Amino acid sequence: MLFFKELYEDAKNIKEKDPATKNILEVIILYPGFHILVFHRLAHFLFRKKLLFLARLISQIGRFFTGIEIHPGAKIGRRLFIDHGMGIVIGETATVGNDCTIYHNSTLGGTGKDKYKRHPDIGNNVMVGAGSKILGPIKVGNNVKIGANATVLKDIPNNVTVVKFNNVQ
């Protein structure tokens, strides 16, 4: 029952945050950001029960249908809003807090240098802009905004905005 309650809460959150949606039914039927949460919550449950192959299978089916890849080991908080989610990757040891928003083509990934904890921990109420790359076992604080196409390789404290600057001559 908790499974469905959390999914309803996810759908309601998407409806509230996305001005393009008309109602919760539209979110449930049409939004790949919602669909991947259904797949992930099931896959994560199976992962915790050590049914690793089945968890990965469900995860890959979700990826096939949505273009969003969330490893079943990743810990996802409540009310995640994935907007235009194509190309999002969330690694196995990543955590995402509550009330976060992640835009398309973003990666919460590893650098290839770490062995056990390889992926970032994202705090609560964090916005990850389109094309952002947050890499390695770093911590991103609460209420952080990460701008589009930013690459984050170091810890970010609470209440900070991180952007990518291009020198224009």
N, C-alpha and C. Protein backbone atom coordinates (compact mmCIF):
# COMPACT_ATOMS: atom_id res chain seq x y z
N MET A 1 0.81 -1.21 0.00
CA MET A 1 0.00 0.00 0.00
C MET A 1 0.86 1.27 0.00
N LEU A 2 1.96 1.24 0.76
CA LEU A 2 2.88 2.38 0.81
C LEU A 2 3.44 2.67 -0.58
N PHE A 3 3.70 1.60 -1.36
CA PHE A 3 4.19 1.74 -2.73
C PHE A 3 3.28 2.64 -3.55
N PHE A 4 1.98 2.39 -3.50
CA PHE A 4 1.02 3.18 -4.29
C PHE A 4 0.83 4.58 -3.72
N LYS A 5 0.90 4.70 -2.42
CA LYS A 5 0.79 6.02 -1.79
C LYS A 5 1.94 6.92 -2.22
N GLU A 6 3.16 6.37 -2.23
CA GLU A 6 4.33 7.15 -2.66
C GLU A 6 4.23 7.51 -4.14
N LEU A 7 3.76 6.59 -4.96
CA LEU A 7 3.61 6.89 -6.39
C LEU A 7 2.55 7.96 -6.62
N TYR A 8 1.46 7.91 -5.89
CA TYR A 8 0.44 8.95 -6.00
C TYR A 8 1.03 10.30 -5.59
N GLU A 9 1.81 10.30 -4.53
CA GLU A 9 2.47 11.53 -4.08
C GLU A 9 3.42 12.06 -5.17
N ASP A 10 4.15 11.15 -5.83
CA ASP A 10 5.02 11.55 -6.95
C ASP A 10 4.21 12.18 -8.07
N ALA A 11 3.12 11.54 -8.46
CA ALA A 11 2.28 12.06 -9.54
C ALA A 11 1.68 13.42 -9.18
N LYS A 12 1.22 13.56 -7.97
CA LYS A 12 0.65 14.84 -7.51
C LYS A 12 1.71 15.94 -7.53
N ASN A 13 2.93 15.62 -7.13
CA ASN A 13 4.02 16.58 -7.14
C ASN A 13 4.34 17.04 -8.56
N ILE A 14 4.37 16.09 -9.51
CA ILE A 14 4.64 16.44 -10.90
C ILE A 14 3.55 17.37 -11.42
N LYS A 15 2.30 17.05 -11.10
CA LYS A 15 1.19 17.89 -11.54
C LYS A 15 1.31 19.31 -10.99
N GLU A 16 1.75 19.43 -9.73
CA GLU A 16 1.88 20.75 -9.11
C GLU A 16 3.06 21.53 -9.69
N LYS A 17 4.15 20.85 -10.05
CA LYS A 17 5.35 21.54 -10.51
C LYS A 17 5.37 21.84 -12.00
N ASP A 18 4.61 21.08 -12.79
CA ASP A 18 4.65 21.25 -14.24
C ASP A 18 3.40 21.99 -14.71
N PRO A 19 3.56 23.24 -15.15
CA PRO A 19 2.39 24.01 -15.58
C PRO A 19 1.73 23.45 -16.85
N ALA A 20 2.42 22.56 -17.56
CA ALA A 20 1.86 22.01 -18.80
C ALA A 20 0.85 20.90 -18.54
N THR A 21 0.84 20.33 -17.35
CA THR A 21 -0.06 19.20 -17.10
C THR A 21 -1.40 19.68 -16.59
N LYS A 22 -2.44 18.95 -16.97
CA LYS A 22 -3.81 19.34 -16.61
C LYS A 22 -4.32 18.62 -15.37
N ASN A 23 -3.90 17.35 -15.18
CA ASN A 23 -4.40 16.58 -14.04
C ASN A 23 -3.48 15.40 -13.75
N ILE A 24 -3.72 14.74 -12.64
CA ILE A 24 -2.86 13.64 -12.21
C ILE A 24 -2.97 12.44 -13.15
N LEU A 25 -4.13 12.19 -13.69
CA LEU A 25 -4.29 11.07 -14.63
C LEU A 25 -3.37 11.25 -15.84
N GLU A 26 -3.27 12.48 -16.33
CA GLU A 26 -2.37 12.78 -17.45
C GLU A 26 -0.92 12.43 -17.08
N VAL A 27 -0.51 12.77 -15.86
CA VAL A 27 0.84 12.44 -15.40
C VAL A 27 1.03 10.92 -15.39
N ILE A 28 0.10 10.20 -14.83
CA ILE A 28 0.21 8.75 -14.69
C ILE A 28 0.29 8.06 -16.05
N ILE A 29 -0.46 8.57 -17.02
CA ILE A 29 -0.52 7.92 -18.33
C ILE A 29 0.61 8.38 -19.26
N LEU A 30 0.97 9.67 -19.21
CA LEU A 30 1.82 10.24 -20.26
C LEU A 30 3.24 10.62 -19.86
N TYR A 31 3.59 10.68 -18.61
CA TYR A 31 4.87 11.25 -18.20
C TYR A 31 5.94 10.17 -17.96
N PRO A 32 6.98 10.13 -18.81
CA PRO A 32 8.04 9.15 -18.60
C PRO A 32 8.79 9.36 -17.28
N GLY A 33 8.83 10.59 -16.79
CA GLY A 33 9.45 10.85 -15.49
C GLY A 33 8.72 10.16 -14.36
N PHE A 34 7.41 10.01 -14.50
CA PHE A 34 6.62 9.25 -13.54
C PHE A 34 6.81 7.75 -13.77
N HIS A 35 6.78 7.34 -15.03
CA HIS A 35 6.90 5.91 -15.35
C HIS A 35 8.20 5.33 -14.80
N ILE A 36 9.32 6.07 -14.93
CA ILE A 36 10.59 5.53 -14.44
C ILE A 36 10.57 5.40 -12.93
N LEU A 37 9.82 6.25 -12.23
CA LEU A 37 9.72 6.10 -10.78
C LEU A 37 8.99 4.82 -10.41
N VAL A 38 7.99 4.43 -11.19
CA VAL A 38 7.30 3.16 -10.96
C VAL A 38 8.30 2.01 -11.13
N PHE A 39 9.03 2.02 -12.25
CA PHE A 39 10.02 0.97 -12.50
C PHE A 39 11.08 0.97 -11.40
N HIS A 40 11.58 2.16 -11.05
CA HIS A 40 12.67 2.22 -10.07
C HIS A 40 12.23 1.76 -8.69
N ARG A 41 11.07 2.18 -8.25
CA ARG A 41 10.64 1.79 -6.90
C ARG A 41 10.49 0.26 -6.80
N LEU A 42 10.00 -0.36 -7.86
CA LEU A 42 9.90 -1.82 -7.88
C LEU A 42 11.30 -2.45 -7.94
N ALA A 43 12.15 -1.95 -8.82
CA ALA A 43 13.50 -2.49 -8.96
C ALA A 43 14.31 -2.31 -7.67
N HIS A 44 14.17 -1.17 -7.02
CA HIS A 44 14.90 -0.92 -5.78
C HIS A 44 14.44 -1.88 -4.67
N PHE A 45 13.14 -2.14 -4.61
CA PHE A 45 12.61 -3.12 -3.65
C PHE A 45 13.27 -4.48 -3.87
N LEU A 46 13.33 -4.92 -5.12
CA LEU A 46 13.93 -6.21 -5.45
C LEU A 46 15.44 -6.21 -5.17
N PHE A 47 16.08 -5.09 -5.44
CA PHE A 47 17.52 -4.96 -5.16
C PHE A 47 17.79 -5.13 -3.67
N ARG A 48 16.97 -4.51 -2.83
CA ARG A 48 17.14 -4.64 -1.38
C ARG A 48 16.89 -6.07 -0.91
N LYS A 49 16.07 -6.82 -1.65
CA LYS A 49 15.80 -8.23 -1.31
C LYS A 49 16.85 -9.16 -1.94
N LYS A 50 17.89 -8.58 -2.53
CA LYS A 50 19.00 -9.34 -3.15
C LYS A 50 18.58 -10.11 -4.40
N LEU A 51 17.48 -9.71 -5.02
CA LEU A 51 17.06 -10.29 -6.29
C LEU A 51 17.65 -9.41 -7.40
N LEU A 52 18.98 -9.47 -7.51
CA LEU A 52 19.73 -8.50 -8.31
C LEU A 52 19.45 -8.60 -9.80
N PHE A 53 19.38 -9.80 -10.34
CA PHE A 53 19.12 -9.93 -11.77
C PHE A 53 17.74 -9.39 -12.13
N LEU A 54 16.75 -9.76 -11.35
CA LEU A 54 15.39 -9.29 -11.61
C LEU A 54 15.31 -7.77 -11.46
N ALA A 55 16.00 -7.23 -10.46
CA ALA A 55 16.02 -5.78 -10.26
C ALA A 55 16.63 -5.08 -11.48
N ARG A 56 17.75 -5.61 -11.96
CA ARG A 56 18.40 -4.99 -13.14
C ARG A 56 17.53 -5.14 -14.39
N LEU A 57 16.85 -6.28 -14.52
CA LEU A 57 15.97 -6.49 -15.66
C LEU A 57 14.85 -5.43 -15.68
N ILE A 58 14.22 -5.22 -14.55
CA ILE A 58 13.14 -4.22 -14.48
C ILE A 58 13.70 -2.83 -14.75
N SER A 59 14.87 -2.55 -14.21
CA SER A 59 15.52 -1.27 -14.46
C SER A 59 15.78 -1.05 -15.95
N GLN A 60 16.26 -2.07 -16.63
CA GLN A 60 16.55 -1.95 -18.06
C GLN A 60 15.28 -1.84 -18.91
N ILE A 61 14.22 -2.50 -18.47
CA ILE A 61 12.93 -2.34 -19.18
C ILE A 61 12.46 -0.89 -19.03
N GLY A 62 12.60 -0.34 -17.82
CA GLY A 62 12.26 1.07 -17.61
C GLY A 62 13.09 1.99 -18.48
N ARG A 63 14.37 1.70 -18.59
CA ARG A 63 15.25 2.51 -19.45
C ARG A 63 14.81 2.43 -20.90
N PHE A 64 14.45 1.23 -21.36
CA PHE A 64 14.01 1.03 -22.74
C PHE A 64 12.79 1.90 -23.05
N PHE A 65 11.83 1.94 -22.12
CA PHE A 65 10.58 2.67 -22.36
C PHE A 65 10.68 4.17 -22.12
N THR A 66 11.62 4.61 -21.29
CA THR A 66 11.64 6.03 -20.93
C THR A 66 12.89 6.79 -21.37
N GLY A 67 13.99 6.09 -21.66
CA GLY A 67 15.24 6.77 -21.95
C GLY A 67 15.93 7.31 -20.71
N ILE A 68 15.46 6.89 -19.54
CA ILE A 68 16.00 7.33 -18.25
C ILE A 68 16.56 6.10 -17.56
N GLU A 69 17.84 6.18 -17.13
CA GLU A 69 18.47 5.02 -16.50
C GLU A 69 18.76 5.32 -15.03
N ILE A 70 18.07 4.60 -14.16
CA ILE A 70 18.32 4.69 -12.73
C ILE A 70 18.69 3.29 -12.25
N HIS A 71 19.91 3.15 -11.74
CA HIS A 71 20.34 1.85 -11.24
C HIS A 71 19.44 1.45 -10.07
N PRO A 72 19.07 0.18 -9.96
CA PRO A 72 18.17 -0.22 -8.88
C PRO A 72 18.76 -0.01 -7.48
N GLY A 73 20.07 0.13 -7.37
CA GLY A 73 20.68 0.39 -6.07
C GLY A 73 20.60 1.84 -5.63
N ALA A 74 20.33 2.75 -6.55
CA ALA A 74 20.25 4.18 -6.22
C ALA A 74 19.08 4.41 -5.25
N LYS A 75 19.29 5.31 -4.31
CA LYS A 75 18.25 5.65 -3.34
C LYS A 75 17.62 6.97 -3.74
N ILE A 76 16.34 6.92 -4.06
CA ILE A 76 15.59 8.07 -4.54
C ILE A 76 14.59 8.49 -3.48
N GLY A 77 14.62 9.76 -3.11
CA GLY A 77 13.70 10.29 -2.11
C GLY A 77 12.30 10.48 -2.65
N ARG A 78 11.50 11.12 -1.85
CA ARG A 78 10.09 11.34 -2.21
C ARG A 78 9.94 12.57 -3.10
N ARG A 79 8.91 12.50 -3.93
CA ARG A 79 8.49 13.62 -4.77
C ARG A 79 9.58 14.10 -5.74
N LEU A 80 10.29 13.16 -6.36
CA LEU A 80 11.25 13.52 -7.40
C LEU A 80 10.48 13.92 -8.65
N PHE A 81 10.87 15.04 -9.25
CA PHE A 81 10.28 15.49 -10.51
C PHE A 81 11.37 15.40 -11.58
N ILE A 82 11.19 14.47 -12.50
CA ILE A 82 12.07 14.34 -13.65
C ILE A 82 11.33 14.96 -14.83
N ASP A 83 11.85 16.08 -15.31
CA ASP A 83 11.19 16.81 -16.39
C ASP A 83 11.98 16.61 -17.68
N HIS A 84 11.29 16.25 -18.76
CA HIS A 84 11.95 15.99 -20.04
C HIS A 84 13.13 15.05 -19.81
N GLY A 85 12.88 13.88 -19.25
CA GLY A 85 13.91 13.04 -18.67
C GLY A 85 14.86 12.32 -19.59
N MET A 86 14.69 12.37 -20.89
CA MET A 86 15.54 11.59 -21.78
C MET A 86 17.02 11.82 -21.47
N GLY A 87 17.76 10.72 -21.36
CA GLY A 87 19.20 10.81 -21.19
C GLY A 87 19.68 10.93 -19.76
N ILE A 88 18.80 10.92 -18.79
CA ILE A 88 19.23 11.00 -17.39
C ILE A 88 19.83 9.65 -16.98
N VAL A 89 20.96 9.73 -16.24
CA VAL A 89 21.61 8.54 -15.69
C VAL A 89 21.86 8.79 -14.21
N ILE A 90 21.43 7.84 -13.37
CA ILE A 90 21.66 7.91 -11.93
C ILE A 90 22.32 6.59 -11.53
N GLY A 91 23.55 6.69 -11.00
CA GLY A 91 24.36 5.51 -10.70
C GLY A 91 23.96 4.77 -9.44
N GLU A 92 24.54 3.60 -9.28
CA GLU A 92 24.18 2.66 -8.23
C GLU A 92 24.29 3.20 -6.82
N THR A 93 25.32 3.93 -6.49
CA THR A 93 25.51 4.39 -5.11
C THR A 93 25.06 5.83 -4.91
N ALA A 94 24.34 6.38 -5.88
CA ALA A 94 23.82 7.75 -5.75
C ALA A 94 22.62 7.77 -4.80
N THR A 95 22.45 8.90 -4.14
CA THR A 95 21.23 9.16 -3.38
C THR A 95 20.68 10.50 -3.82
N VAL A 96 19.37 10.57 -3.89
CA VAL A 96 18.67 11.81 -4.25
C VAL A 96 17.68 12.09 -3.14
N GLY A 97 17.73 13.28 -2.57
CA GLY A 97 16.85 13.64 -1.46
C GLY A 97 15.42 13.87 -1.90
N ASN A 98 14.64 14.42 -1.00
CA ASN A 98 13.23 14.71 -1.26
C ASN A 98 13.07 16.02 -2.02
N ASP A 99 11.99 16.10 -2.80
CA ASP A 99 11.57 17.33 -3.48
C ASP A 99 12.60 17.87 -4.45
N CYS A 100 13.29 16.98 -5.15
CA CYS A 100 14.30 17.39 -6.13
C CYS A 100 13.69 17.42 -7.53
N THR A 101 14.34 18.18 -8.41
CA THR A 101 13.97 18.25 -9.82
C THR A 101 15.21 17.98 -10.64
N ILE A 102 15.11 17.07 -11.60
CA ILE A 102 16.22 16.76 -12.48
C ILE A 102 15.74 16.90 -13.92
N TYR A 103 16.47 17.69 -14.71
CA TYR A 103 16.13 17.91 -16.11
C TYR A 103 16.94 16.99 -17.02
N HIS A 104 16.53 16.91 -18.26
CA HIS A 104 17.05 15.95 -19.24
C HIS A 104 18.58 16.01 -19.41
N ASN A 105 19.10 14.85 -19.80
CA ASN A 105 20.51 14.67 -20.16
C ASN A 105 21.47 14.94 -19.00
N SER A 106 21.03 14.75 -17.78
CA SER A 106 21.88 14.94 -16.60
C SER A 106 22.41 13.60 -16.11
N THR A 107 23.59 13.64 -15.49
CA THR A 107 24.21 12.42 -14.98
C THR A 107 24.60 12.61 -13.52
N LEU A 108 24.20 11.65 -12.69
CA LEU A 108 24.70 11.53 -11.33
C LEU A 108 25.56 10.28 -11.38
N GLY A 109 26.83 10.45 -11.73
CA GLY A 109 27.67 9.31 -12.06
C GLY A 109 28.98 9.27 -11.32
N GLY A 110 29.80 8.33 -11.72
CA GLY A 110 31.12 8.14 -11.14
C GLY A 110 32.20 8.72 -12.02
N THR A 111 33.40 8.79 -11.45
CA THR A 111 34.56 9.27 -12.20
C THR A 111 35.41 8.12 -12.71
N GLY A 112 35.16 6.92 -12.21
CA GLY A 112 35.96 5.76 -12.57
C GLY A 112 37.15 5.56 -11.64
N LYS A 113 37.33 6.47 -10.69
CA LYS A 113 38.48 6.38 -9.78
C LYS A 113 38.14 5.75 -8.43
N ASP A 114 36.85 5.69 -8.10
CA ASP A 114 36.44 5.24 -6.76
C ASP A 114 35.92 3.81 -6.83
N LYS A 115 36.05 3.11 -5.70
CA LYS A 115 35.73 1.69 -5.70
C LYS A 115 34.35 1.36 -5.11
N TYR A 116 34.00 1.86 -3.94
CA TYR A 116 32.76 1.46 -3.27
C TYR A 116 31.68 2.52 -3.42
N LYS A 117 31.82 3.61 -2.74
CA LYS A 117 30.89 4.74 -2.92
C LYS A 117 31.41 5.53 -4.11
N ARG A 118 30.68 5.48 -5.23
CA ARG A 118 31.18 6.05 -6.48
C ARG A 118 30.39 7.24 -6.99
N HIS A 119 29.18 7.43 -6.45
CA HIS A 119 28.26 8.40 -7.03
C HIS A 119 27.85 9.44 -6.00
N PRO A 120 27.29 10.56 -6.44
CA PRO A 120 26.99 11.67 -5.52
C PRO A 120 25.78 11.43 -4.63
N ASP A 121 25.77 12.20 -3.54
CA ASP A 121 24.62 12.31 -2.65
C ASP A 121 24.03 13.70 -2.86
N ILE A 122 22.77 13.72 -3.27
CA ILE A 122 22.08 14.98 -3.55
C ILE A 122 21.12 15.26 -2.40
N GLY A 123 21.17 16.47 -1.85
CA GLY A 123 20.33 16.83 -0.71
C GLY A 123 18.87 17.03 -1.11
N ASN A 124 18.12 17.63 -0.22
CA ASN A 124 16.69 17.91 -0.45
C ASN A 124 16.52 19.22 -1.21
N ASN A 125 15.45 19.29 -2.00
CA ASN A 125 15.08 20.51 -2.71
C ASN A 125 16.21 21.01 -3.62
N VAL A 126 16.80 20.09 -4.37
CA VAL A 126 17.88 20.42 -5.29
C VAL A 126 17.34 20.40 -6.71
N MET A 127 17.76 21.38 -7.52
CA MET A 127 17.40 21.43 -8.93
C MET A 127 18.67 21.16 -9.73
N VAL A 128 18.62 20.14 -10.59
CA VAL A 128 19.75 19.77 -11.44
C VAL A 128 19.37 20.16 -12.87
N GLY A 129 20.06 21.16 -13.41
CA GLY A 129 19.75 21.68 -14.73
C GLY A 129 20.09 20.72 -15.85
N ALA A 130 19.51 20.96 -17.00
CA ALA A 130 19.69 20.11 -18.18
C ALA A 130 21.17 19.99 -18.53
N GLY A 131 21.60 18.76 -18.81
CA GLY A 131 22.97 18.52 -19.25
C GLY A 131 24.01 18.55 -18.16
N SER A 132 23.61 18.68 -16.92
CA SER A 132 24.57 18.74 -15.82
C SER A 132 25.19 17.38 -15.57
N LYS A 133 26.44 17.40 -15.12
CA LYS A 133 27.16 16.19 -14.76
C LYS A 133 27.65 16.37 -13.34
N ILE A 134 27.17 15.53 -12.44
CA ILE A 134 27.59 15.56 -11.03
C ILE A 134 28.28 14.23 -10.81
N LEU A 135 29.61 14.27 -10.60
CA LEU A 135 30.40 13.06 -10.69
C LEU A 135 31.22 12.80 -9.43
N GLY A 136 31.24 11.54 -9.03
CA GLY A 136 32.06 11.11 -7.91
C GLY A 136 31.29 11.07 -6.61
N PRO A 137 31.94 10.59 -5.55
CA PRO A 137 31.28 10.45 -4.24
C PRO A 137 31.26 11.77 -3.48
N ILE A 138 30.58 12.75 -4.06
CA ILE A 138 30.52 14.09 -3.47
C ILE A 138 29.15 14.33 -2.86
N LYS A 139 29.05 15.39 -2.08
CA LYS A 139 27.80 15.75 -1.44
C LYS A 139 27.33 17.11 -1.97
N VAL A 140 26.07 17.15 -2.38
CA VAL A 140 25.43 18.39 -2.80
C VAL A 140 24.42 18.71 -1.71
N GLY A 141 24.53 19.89 -1.12
CA GLY A 141 23.69 20.27 0.01
C GLY A 141 22.23 20.48 -0.35
N ASN A 142 21.47 20.90 0.62
CA ASN A 142 20.04 21.19 0.45
C ASN A 142 19.86 22.54 -0.24
N ASN A 143 18.76 22.68 -0.96
CA ASN A 143 18.36 23.94 -1.59
C ASN A 143 19.41 24.46 -2.57
N VAL A 144 20.05 23.55 -3.29
CA VAL A 144 21.08 23.91 -4.27
C VAL A 144 20.45 23.92 -5.65
N LYS A 145 20.92 24.86 -6.48
CA LYS A 145 20.52 24.90 -7.89
C LYS A 145 21.78 24.71 -8.71
N ILE A 146 21.74 23.72 -9.60
CA ILE A 146 22.87 23.45 -10.49
C ILE A 146 22.43 23.81 -11.89
N GLY A 147 23.11 24.78 -12.48
CA GLY A 147 22.73 25.30 -13.78
C GLY A 147 22.97 24.31 -14.90
N ALA A 148 22.36 24.60 -16.04
CA ALA A 148 22.48 23.75 -17.22
C ALA A 148 23.94 23.60 -17.62
N ASN A 149 24.30 22.37 -17.98
CA ASN A 149 25.62 22.00 -18.49
C ASN A 149 26.76 22.21 -17.50
N ALA A 150 26.46 22.40 -16.23
CA ALA A 150 27.51 22.50 -15.22
C ALA A 150 28.11 21.12 -14.96
N THR A 151 29.40 21.09 -14.66
CA THR A 151 30.07 19.87 -14.23
C THR A 151 30.50 20.08 -12.79
N VAL A 152 30.03 19.22 -11.90
CA VAL A 152 30.30 19.36 -10.47
C VAL A 152 31.15 18.18 -10.03
N LEU A 153 32.35 18.49 -9.49
CA LEU A 153 33.28 17.45 -9.06
C LEU A 153 33.66 17.58 -7.59
N LYS A 154 33.14 18.61 -6.93
CA LYS A 154 33.45 18.85 -5.52
C LYS A 154 32.16 19.08 -4.73
N ASP A 155 32.24 18.88 -3.41
CA ASP A 155 31.08 19.10 -2.55
C ASP A 155 30.53 20.52 -2.73
N ILE A 156 29.21 20.62 -2.62
CA ILE A 156 28.52 21.91 -2.72
C ILE A 156 27.75 22.11 -1.41
N PRO A 157 27.97 23.25 -0.73
CA PRO A 157 27.25 23.48 0.53
C PRO A 157 25.78 23.83 0.28
N ASN A 158 25.01 23.90 1.34
CA ASN A 158 23.59 24.28 1.26
C ASN A 158 23.41 25.66 0.65
N ASN A 159 22.25 25.86 0.00
CA ASN A 159 21.79 27.18 -0.43
C ASN A 159 22.73 27.88 -1.40
N VAL A 160 23.28 27.12 -2.36
CA VAL A 160 24.23 27.67 -3.33
C VAL A 160 23.70 27.41 -4.73
N THR A 161 24.03 28.32 -5.65
CA THR A 161 23.75 28.10 -7.08
C THR A 161 25.08 27.90 -7.79
N VAL A 162 25.17 26.83 -8.58
CA VAL A 162 26.39 26.50 -9.31
C VAL A 162 26.07 26.61 -10.80
N VAL A 163 26.90 27.36 -11.53
CA VAL A 163 26.68 27.51 -12.97
C VAL A 163 27.99 27.34 -13.72
N LYS A 164 27.89 27.12 -15.00
CA LYS A 164 29.05 27.01 -15.87
C LYS A 164 29.22 28.36 -16.57
N PHE A 165 30.42 28.89 -16.50
CA PHE A 165 30.71 30.14 -17.20
C PHE A 165 31.56 29.83 -18.42
N ASN A 166 31.22 30.46 -19.51
CA ASN A 166 32.06 30.39 -20.72
C ASN A 166 32.63 31.77 -20.96
N ASN A 167 33.94 31.85 -21.10
CA ASN A 167 34.54 33.14 -21.43
C ASN A 167 34.23 33.46 -22.87
N VAL A 168 33.55 34.55 -23.08
CA VAL A 168 33.21 34.99 -24.43
C VAL A 168 34.11 36.16 -24.75
N GLN A 169 34.86 36.06 -25.84
CA GLN A 169 35.82 37.12 -26.21
C GLN A 169 35.28 37.98 -27.32
